[in-house]
Amino acid sequence: MTVRRSISYTAIAAALLAGASLVLAQAPAPAPAPSPSAAAAGPVTFNTATGQRIKVTLVAGGLAHPYSVAFPDEHTILVSEQTGRLRVIRDGVLLPTPAWETPPVPAGSTGNVNDNLHFIALHPGFAQNHLVYLSYQKHGPRGSTMALGRGTLTGDTLTNFKELFVAEAWDKSGANPGQIMFLRDGTILMTVGDRDGLCCNGSEDTSQRMRAQTLDNDFGKILRLRDDGSIPPDNPFVGRQGALPEIYTYGNRNVYGLAYHPVTGELWESEIGPLGGDEINILFPGHNYGWPLASPGRNYTGTKIPWTHEGMDDPRMFWVPSISPSGLIFYTGDKFKGWKNNAFLGALNGKALWRVAFDMPKPQQNEQRETLLTTFDDRIRDVQQGPDGNLYVATEKTSGGRAANGTLLRIEPAP
């Protein structure tokens, strides 16, 4: 297996020092702004590091932990609520009736029963077949696991929903992202968390997180499936004894973002690390991304983790301290000055929208990082580029529960 050694020890040390300050070449701090829920009274404007002024407008409020955003057409926005409802925004109006709801949690289920619906992906042939794919938590006596299903969007309703695949990752605690994205060959990726319930309680027990390094389960993996939920015959571990054939990559902790780089065509992902060490990786089928044997971060007890490990891929970039990256996109439009081909990431604990510009000309830093929307003090769950070329951001005030205080915001150029 070819291993991509992208960061040397010297480079990691330099990046760690740079990462301690978090933001490179950031614009001057904007004046205090109202919270997004107050933005209904009128748009809020900000300056940015590229000289582009932006206007932030509330599209919809009253959302219960909006997790993912998709655009079936220029008039329609789909938003998944973590509590289990697929919502429709039509011509700027949030419809009161959900398009679909996750099935009731079975009696006797254990774990977080409020954690239900996660990510949305539209089939590449959506214009013809109207198929919408959803990742969701499947609950039962063993806890929950990540599942993939699809239905047909008929008007404002998702019909004929069918479960396609259930991951072998049942547990009663631990994060489980479920990010889904169609690849250019028509297959679909789905991310599964390491489900480490011992990470944050002072334990040095690594038994749960080590499941990400074994191929007989789906913990800490990225899976690749056909659009009907079956296994592609060219997956990297098909036919290997003791390995599940759906596995595409392994050693991934909690992957919340997937995106193609618009220039190189590489497949990038954003991943939440432990105590520090949030990562962006470039994915290659069959590769091992290190968790929990290698990470720029530390265990939650404060003990060190080796930064690199032979035979495992290093991250393309990382953050110390953590920002808890969520959705990831590359902006490909022309509406914003200096933003084309820049990466945008949501930050959960970091409570910001991050913009990262790569390959900057000298004398600038090679990678320019800027935080946006920091004064809103909101967790950014997803960021997407709309058909109109603007950015759309899903936010929540807190993690967990059923509070309907989430929003969908639109970011567009301001004069």
Protein backbone atom coordinates (compact mmCIF):
# COMPACT_ATOMS: atom_id res chain seq x y z
CA MET A 1 0.00 0.00 0.00
CA THR A 2 1.37 3.42 -0.92
CA VAL A 3 1.44 5.73 2.08
CA ARG A 4 1.09 9.46 1.65
CA ARG A 5 3.63 11.03 4.05
CA SER A 6 2.38 14.60 3.84
CA ILE A 7 3.85 16.06 7.03
CA SER A 8 7.31 15.54 8.50
CA TYR A 9 8.06 15.92 12.21
CA THR A 10 9.56 19.34 11.54
CA ALA A 11 6.52 20.44 9.56
CA ILE A 12 4.18 19.16 12.25
CA ALA A 13 6.04 21.08 14.92
CA ALA A 14 5.86 24.25 12.84
CA ALA A 15 2.19 23.72 12.17
CA LEU A 16 1.55 23.09 15.85
CA LEU A 17 3.13 26.41 16.76
CA ALA A 18 1.13 28.18 14.06
CA GLY A 19 -2.03 26.35 15.05
CA ALA A 20 -1.73 27.54 18.65
CA SER A 21 -2.73 30.99 17.46
CA LEU A 22 -5.52 29.43 15.40
CA VAL A 23 -6.03 32.22 12.86
CA LEU A 24 -3.57 33.39 10.23
CA ALA A 25 -4.11 36.68 8.44
CA GLN A 26 -7.54 37.20 10.00
CA ALA A 27 -9.46 40.38 9.35
CA PRO A 28 -9.85 42.88 12.21
CA ALA A 29 -12.44 41.79 14.74
CA PRO A 30 -15.89 43.00 13.71
CA ALA A 31 -18.14 44.97 16.00
CA PRO A 32 -20.48 42.89 18.21
CA ALA A 33 -23.45 41.60 16.25
CA PRO A 34 -26.81 40.19 17.25
CA SER A 35 -27.39 36.46 17.49
CA PRO A 36 -28.73 34.75 14.34
CA SER A 37 -32.19 34.48 15.91
CA ALA A 38 -32.23 38.28 16.07
CA ALA A 39 -31.12 38.58 12.42
CA ALA A 40 -34.77 38.31 11.38
CA ALA A 41 -34.99 42.03 12.08
CA GLY A 42 -32.54 42.66 9.25
CA PRO A 43 -29.28 41.45 7.68
CA VAL A 44 -25.98 41.75 9.52
CA THR A 45 -22.84 42.81 7.62
CA PHE A 46 -19.17 41.97 8.24
CA ASN A 47 -15.78 42.74 6.74
CA THR A 48 -13.48 39.85 5.75
CA ALA A 49 -9.75 39.37 5.21
CA THR A 50 -10.07 39.53 1.40
CA GLY A 51 -11.84 42.91 1.47
CA GLN A 52 -15.15 41.22 0.65
CA ARG A 53 -18.00 42.57 2.77
CA ILE A 54 -20.66 39.96 3.49
CA LYS A 55 -24.31 40.15 4.46
CA VAL A 56 -25.80 37.44 6.72
CA THR A 57 -29.56 36.93 6.55
CA LEU A 58 -31.84 34.59 8.45
CA VAL A 59 -33.55 32.18 6.04
CA ALA A 60 -35.37 30.09 8.65
CA GLY A 61 -35.43 29.79 12.44
CA GLY A 62 -37.09 27.42 14.87
CA LEU A 63 -35.15 24.39 13.63
CA ALA A 64 -34.34 21.54 16.02
CA HIS A 65 -30.58 20.97 15.62
CA PRO A 66 -30.36 21.33 11.81
CA TYR A 67 -27.69 18.87 10.69
CA SER A 68 -27.50 18.99 6.90
CA VAL A 69 -28.68 21.11 3.97
CA ALA A 70 -29.38 20.18 0.33
CA PHE A 71 -30.84 21.99 -2.71
CA PRO A 72 -33.16 19.94 -4.94
CA ASP A 73 -33.78 23.04 -7.09
CA GLU A 74 -33.45 26.82 -6.95
CA HIS A 75 -36.74 27.17 -5.06
CA THR A 76 -36.33 24.37 -2.52
CA ILE A 77 -34.02 23.68 0.42
CA LEU A 78 -34.07 20.44 2.41
CA VAL A 79 -32.89 20.57 6.02
CA SER A 80 -32.49 17.55 8.29
CA GLU A 81 -33.22 18.01 11.99
CA GLN A 82 -31.23 15.76 14.32
CA THR A 83 -34.39 15.00 16.27
CA GLY A 84 -35.73 13.13 13.24
CA ARG A 85 -37.57 15.41 10.80
CA LEU A 86 -36.73 16.28 7.20
CA ARG A 87 -37.90 19.87 6.66
CA VAL A 88 -38.67 21.75 3.45
CA ILE A 89 -38.03 25.45 2.81
CA ARG A 90 -39.90 26.56 -0.31
CA ASP A 91 -39.25 30.04 -1.72
CA GLY A 92 -37.92 31.21 1.64
CA VAL A 93 -40.78 29.78 3.75
CA LEU A 94 -40.28 26.89 6.19
CA LEU A 95 -43.19 24.52 5.62
CA PRO A 96 -44.91 23.42 8.85
CA THR A 97 -45.28 19.76 7.84
CA PRO A 98 -42.07 17.68 7.59
CA ALA A 99 -41.36 15.87 4.34
CA TRP A 100 -40.45 12.76 6.31
CA GLU A 101 -39.77 11.62 9.88
CA THR A 102 -37.59 8.83 11.19
CA PRO A 103 -39.51 5.82 12.50
CA PRO A 104 -40.40 5.82 16.22
CA VAL A 105 -37.58 4.60 18.46
CA PRO A 106 -38.38 0.98 19.39
CA ALA A 107 -39.28 0.25 23.00
CA GLY A 108 -36.29 -0.94 24.99
CA SER A 109 -33.78 1.02 22.91
CA THR A 110 -30.72 2.31 24.74
CA GLY A 111 -28.48 5.31 24.12
CA ASN A 112 -29.39 8.81 22.93
CA VAL A 113 -32.93 8.44 21.57
CA ASN A 114 -32.97 12.13 20.49
CA ASP A 115 -30.15 11.49 17.99
CA ASN A 116 -31.98 10.33 14.86
CA LEU A 117 -31.55 12.04 11.48
CA HIS A 118 -28.17 13.21 10.16
CA PHE A 119 -27.05 13.93 6.58
CA ILE A 120 -28.72 14.41 3.19
CA ALA A 121 -27.38 13.57 -0.27
CA LEU A 122 -29.16 13.90 -3.61
CA HIS A 123 -28.68 11.14 -6.17
CA PRO A 124 -26.53 12.25 -9.16
CA GLY A 125 -29.59 11.62 -11.33
CA PHE A 126 -31.93 13.51 -9.00
CA ALA A 127 -33.36 15.64 -11.82
CA GLN A 128 -34.75 12.46 -13.36
CA ASN A 129 -35.35 10.08 -10.41
CA HIS A 130 -35.93 12.52 -7.48
CA LEU A 131 -34.07 10.18 -5.08
CA VAL A 132 -32.99 11.61 -1.71
CA TYR A 133 -30.54 9.69 0.50
CA LEU A 134 -30.51 10.06 4.28
CA SER A 135 -28.18 8.80 7.00
CA TYR A 136 -29.83 8.16 10.35
CA GLN A 137 -29.38 6.40 13.65
CA LYS A 138 -31.03 2.98 13.79
CA HIS A 139 -31.96 2.26 17.41
CA GLY A 140 -32.35 -1.01 19.29
CA PRO A 141 -31.49 -2.86 22.53
CA ARG A 142 -27.75 -2.79 21.64
CA GLY A 143 -27.85 1.01 21.32
CA SER A 144 -27.68 2.55 17.87
CA THR A 145 -25.76 2.34 14.63
CA MET A 146 -25.60 4.33 11.41
CA ALA A 147 -27.97 3.40 8.59
CA LEU A 148 -28.51 4.60 5.04
CA GLY A 149 -31.85 4.86 3.28
CA ARG A 150 -33.49 6.60 0.35
CA GLY A 151 -36.88 7.88 -0.74
CA THR A 152 -38.45 9.78 -3.61
CA LEU A 153 -39.17 13.48 -3.20
CA THR A 154 -42.71 13.95 -4.51
CA GLY A 155 -43.79 17.56 -4.12
CA ASP A 156 -43.14 18.37 -0.45
CA THR A 157 -43.13 14.75 0.74
CA LEU A 158 -40.50 12.01 0.77
CA THR A 159 -42.25 8.81 -0.30
CA ASN A 160 -41.37 5.11 -0.67
CA PHE A 161 -38.55 5.33 1.85
CA LYS A 162 -36.41 2.21 2.02
CA GLU A 163 -33.55 1.24 4.29
CA LEU A 164 -30.53 0.29 2.17
CA PHE A 165 -27.65 -0.46 4.55
CA VAL A 166 -27.01 -0.84 8.29
CA ALA A 167 -23.44 -0.44 9.59
CA GLU A 168 -21.83 -2.99 11.89
CA ALA A 169 -21.21 -0.37 14.56
CA TRP A 170 -23.78 -0.89 17.34
CA ASP A 171 -23.00 0.85 20.63
CA LYS A 172 -24.72 2.83 23.38
CA SER A 173 -22.51 5.94 23.34
CA GLY A 174 -19.98 7.83 21.30
CA ALA A 175 -20.31 10.09 18.27
CA ASN A 176 -21.53 8.68 14.95
CA PRO A 177 -21.33 11.27 12.13
CA GLY A 178 -22.96 9.55 9.13
CA GLN A 179 -21.75 12.06 6.53
CA ILE A 180 -22.76 10.86 3.06
CA MET A 181 -21.56 11.97 -0.38
CA PHE A 182 -21.83 10.59 -3.89
CA LEU A 183 -18.55 10.00 -5.67
CA ARG A 184 -18.09 10.78 -9.33
CA ASP A 185 -18.44 7.08 -10.21
CA GLY A 186 -21.97 7.01 -8.78
CA THR A 187 -21.11 5.16 -5.56
CA ILE A 188 -21.81 6.72 -2.16
CA LEU A 189 -19.58 7.15 0.89
CA MET A 190 -20.88 7.03 4.47
CA THR A 191 -18.79 7.81 7.55
CA VAL A 192 -19.07 5.90 10.81
CA GLY A 193 -17.65 7.15 14.13
CA ASP A 194 -15.35 5.26 16.44
CA ARG A 195 -18.15 5.27 19.09
CA ASP A 196 -15.61 5.66 21.90
CA GLY A 197 -17.69 6.14 25.04
CA LEU A 198 -14.62 6.07 27.27
CA CYS A 199 -12.85 9.00 25.62
CA CYS A 200 -13.97 11.77 27.94
CA ASN A 201 -14.41 10.22 31.39
CA GLY A 202 -10.78 10.15 32.47
CA SER A 203 -10.16 6.60 31.30
CA GLU A 204 -7.01 5.50 29.46
CA ASP A 205 -8.83 2.38 28.24
CA THR A 206 -8.27 2.33 24.46
CA SER A 207 -10.20 -0.86 23.73
CA GLN A 208 -13.17 0.89 22.14
CA ARG A 209 -11.22 3.31 19.98
CA MET A 210 -8.90 0.51 18.78
CA ARG A 211 -11.84 -0.91 16.83
CA ALA A 212 -11.04 1.77 14.22
CA GLN A 213 -7.85 -0.21 13.42
CA THR A 214 -9.51 -3.58 12.80
CA LEU A 215 -11.36 -4.49 9.62
CA ASP A 216 -13.99 -6.83 11.10
CA ASN A 217 -16.30 -3.92 12.03
CA ASP A 218 -17.40 -0.50 10.75
CA PHE A 219 -16.26 1.58 13.76
CA GLY A 220 -14.00 4.48 12.76
CA LYS A 221 -14.38 3.79 9.05
CA ILE A 222 -15.54 5.38 5.81
CA LEU A 223 -17.74 2.98 3.85
CA ARG A 224 -18.36 2.84 0.09
CA LEU A 225 -21.65 1.50 -1.27
CA ARG A 226 -23.55 1.31 -4.51
CA ASP A 227 -26.61 3.53 -4.79
CA ASP A 228 -28.83 0.55 -3.88
CA GLY A 229 -26.83 -0.20 -0.71
CA SER A 230 -24.94 -3.17 -2.13
CA ILE A 231 -21.13 -3.51 -2.04
CA PRO A 232 -19.03 -2.42 -5.04
CA PRO A 233 -16.80 -5.31 -6.16
CA ASP A 234 -13.77 -3.00 -6.46
CA ASN A 235 -13.76 -1.88 -2.82
CA PRO A 236 -10.23 -2.24 -1.40
CA PHE A 237 -10.98 -5.04 1.08
CA VAL A 238 -13.38 -7.16 -0.96
CA GLY A 239 -12.24 -10.79 -0.67
CA ARG A 240 -9.86 -10.23 2.25
CA GLN A 241 -10.46 -12.74 5.02
CA GLY A 242 -11.73 -11.13 8.24
CA ALA A 243 -12.45 -7.75 6.57
CA LEU A 244 -15.87 -6.23 5.90
CA PRO A 245 -16.18 -5.53 2.16
CA GLU A 246 -17.92 -2.14 2.58
CA ILE A 247 -14.82 -0.52 4.14
CA TYR A 248 -13.16 2.19 2.01
CA THR A 249 -10.75 3.74 4.57
CA TYR A 250 -10.06 3.10 8.25
CA GLY A 251 -8.40 4.67 11.27
CA ASN A 252 -10.80 7.65 10.98
CA ARG A 253 -12.13 9.07 14.24
CA ASN A 254 -15.26 11.14 13.51
CA VAL A 255 -15.58 12.37 9.91
CA TYR A 256 -18.19 15.13 9.42
CA GLY A 257 -17.04 16.60 6.10
CA LEU A 258 -16.41 15.19 2.61
CA ALA A 259 -15.65 17.22 -0.53
CA TYR A 260 -13.82 17.05 -3.84
CA HIS A 261 -11.03 19.58 -4.33
CA PRO A 262 -12.13 21.55 -7.44
CA VAL A 263 -8.61 21.90 -8.87
CA THR A 264 -6.83 18.63 -8.05
CA GLY A 265 -9.90 16.38 -8.02
CA GLU A 266 -8.69 14.85 -4.74
CA LEU A 267 -11.22 13.67 -2.17
CA TRP A 268 -10.85 15.59 1.10
CA GLU A 269 -12.40 15.00 4.51
CA SER A 270 -12.63 16.89 7.82
CA GLU A 271 -12.36 14.89 11.01
CA ILE A 272 -12.80 15.70 14.70
CA GLY A 273 -9.74 14.66 16.68
CA PRO A 274 -9.38 14.08 20.42
CA LEU A 275 -8.01 16.82 22.70
CA GLY A 276 -6.67 18.93 19.84
CA GLY A 277 -5.71 17.41 16.51
CA ASP A 278 -8.76 18.06 14.35
CA GLU A 279 -7.74 17.06 10.83
CA ILE A 280 -8.22 17.50 7.13
CA ASN A 281 -7.15 14.39 5.21
CA ILE A 282 -6.88 13.47 1.55
CA LEU A 283 -8.54 10.09 1.07
CA PHE A 284 -7.19 7.11 -0.85
CA PRO A 285 -9.00 3.77 -0.95
CA GLY A 286 -7.67 1.23 1.51
CA HIS A 287 -5.50 3.70 3.43
CA ASN A 288 -5.18 3.86 7.21
CA TYR A 289 -5.51 7.36 8.74
CA GLY A 290 -4.00 6.51 12.09
CA TRP A 291 -6.63 6.78 14.80
CA PRO A 292 -6.01 6.02 17.65
CA LEU A 293 -2.35 5.14 17.11
CA ALA A 294 -1.41 8.48 15.53
CA SER A 295 -2.87 11.97 16.02
CA PRO A 296 -1.67 15.57 16.37
CA GLY A 297 -3.88 15.75 19.49
CA ARG A 298 -3.76 14.20 22.94
CA ASN A 299 -5.99 11.81 24.82
CA TYR A 300 -8.64 13.47 26.98
CA THR A 301 -6.56 12.57 30.06
CA GLY A 302 -3.78 14.74 28.59
CA THR A 303 -1.42 11.90 27.70
CA LYS A 304 0.43 12.13 24.40
CA ILE A 305 -0.39 10.26 21.21
CA PRO A 306 2.39 9.75 18.64
CA TRP A 307 2.07 12.29 15.82
CA THR A 308 2.94 9.79 13.10
CA HIS A 309 2.96 6.04 12.66
CA GLU A 310 4.65 3.99 9.97
CA GLY A 311 2.21 2.82 7.30
CA MET A 312 -0.45 5.41 8.19
CA ASP A 313 -1.32 8.65 6.36
CA ASP A 314 -0.62 12.02 7.98
CA PRO A 315 -3.22 14.81 7.81
CA ARG A 316 -3.06 17.50 5.15
CA MET A 317 -3.59 20.09 7.89
CA PHE A 318 -4.81 20.17 11.47
CA TRP A 319 -5.94 22.40 14.33
CA VAL A 320 -4.57 22.69 17.86
CA PRO A 321 -6.57 23.63 19.96
CA SER A 322 -9.63 21.84 18.58
CA ILE A 323 -12.38 23.55 16.61
CA SER A 324 -14.53 20.40 16.11
CA PRO A 325 -14.95 20.69 12.31
CA SER A 326 -18.33 19.81 10.84
CA GLY A 327 -19.38 20.27 7.18
CA LEU A 328 -16.73 20.85 4.50
CA ILE A 329 -17.04 22.38 1.03
CA PHE A 330 -14.86 24.11 -1.55
CA TYR A 331 -16.45 27.28 -2.87
CA THR A 332 -16.52 27.20 -6.69
CA GLY A 333 -18.55 30.32 -7.48
CA ASP A 334 -17.53 33.84 -8.48
CA LYS A 335 -19.67 35.98 -6.18
CA PHE A 336 -17.13 36.52 -3.39
CA LYS A 337 -13.84 38.37 -3.88
CA GLY A 338 -10.86 36.10 -3.30
CA TRP A 339 -12.91 33.07 -2.21
CA LYS A 340 -12.93 30.85 -5.29
CA ASN A 341 -11.59 27.34 -4.53
CA ASN A 342 -11.28 28.18 -0.83
CA ALA A 343 -12.34 25.56 1.71
CA PHE A 344 -15.13 26.34 4.18
CA LEU A 345 -15.67 24.34 7.35
CA GLY A 346 -18.19 24.64 10.12
CA ALA A 347 -16.88 24.53 13.69
CA LEU A 348 -18.97 23.12 16.53
CA ASN A 349 -17.05 23.80 19.73
CA GLY A 350 -15.13 26.47 17.82
CA LYS A 351 -18.44 28.26 17.05
CA ALA A 352 -17.34 29.78 13.75
CA LEU A 353 -17.27 29.33 10.01
CA TRP A 354 -13.70 28.78 8.85
CA ARG A 355 -12.34 29.88 5.47
CA VAL A 356 -9.02 28.35 4.37
CA ALA A 357 -7.19 29.59 1.27
CA PHE A 358 -4.48 27.29 -0.07
CA ASP A 359 -1.41 28.03 -2.20
CA MET A 360 -1.39 31.74 -1.45
CA PRO A 361 1.25 33.77 -3.35
CA LYS A 362 4.24 35.07 -1.39
CA PRO A 363 4.72 36.98 0.86
CA GLN A 364 1.43 35.68 2.29
CA GLN A 365 1.17 32.50 4.31
CA ASN A 366 0.74 29.43 2.11
CA GLU A 367 -2.48 28.59 3.95
CA GLN A 368 -4.54 31.57 5.06
CA ARG A 369 -7.15 30.85 7.72
CA GLU A 370 -9.99 33.16 8.66
CA THR A 371 -12.92 32.78 11.04
CA LEU A 372 -16.36 34.18 10.21
CA LEU A 373 -19.59 34.56 12.22
CA THR A 374 -17.74 34.32 15.53
CA THR A 375 -19.88 36.96 17.23
CA PHE A 376 -23.00 34.85 16.71
CA ASP A 377 -21.72 32.34 19.30
CA ASP A 378 -23.38 29.47 17.43
CA ARG A 379 -22.26 25.94 16.60
CA ILE A 380 -21.99 25.62 12.81
CA ARG A 381 -23.37 22.24 11.74
CA ASP A 382 -23.23 22.47 7.95
CA VAL A 383 -22.13 24.80 5.18
CA GLN A 384 -23.23 24.48 1.55
CA GLN A 385 -23.01 26.46 -1.67
CA GLY A 386 -26.49 27.20 -2.99
CA PRO A 387 -27.62 27.27 -6.63
CA ASP A 388 -27.51 31.07 -6.40
CA GLY A 389 -23.78 31.02 -5.62
CA ASN A 390 -24.28 32.14 -2.02
CA LEU A 391 -23.26 30.21 1.10
CA TYR A 392 -25.82 28.65 3.43
CA VAL A 393 -25.03 27.73 7.02
CA ALA A 394 -26.98 25.58 9.49
CA THR A 395 -26.49 26.52 13.15
CA GLU A 396 -27.47 25.30 16.60
CA LYS A 397 -27.11 26.90 20.02
CA THR A 398 -26.18 23.78 21.98
CA SER A 399 -25.48 20.11 21.43
CA GLY A 400 -28.17 17.52 22.14
CA GLY A 401 -31.72 17.82 23.40
CA ARG A 402 -34.75 18.81 21.36
CA ALA A 403 -34.65 22.63 21.56
CA ALA A 404 -35.85 24.27 18.32
CA ASN A 405 -33.40 27.19 18.40
CA GLY A 406 -31.41 26.31 15.28
CA THR A 407 -31.26 28.45 12.14
CA LEU A 408 -30.44 28.42 8.46
CA LEU A 409 -28.46 31.50 7.40
CA ARG A 410 -27.56 32.85 3.98
CA ILE A 411 -24.20 34.57 3.36
CA GLU A 412 -23.99 36.82 0.30
CA PRO A 413 -21.85 39.75 -0.87
CA ALA A 414 -22.63 43.17 0.61
CA PRO A 415 -21.87 46.51 -1.04
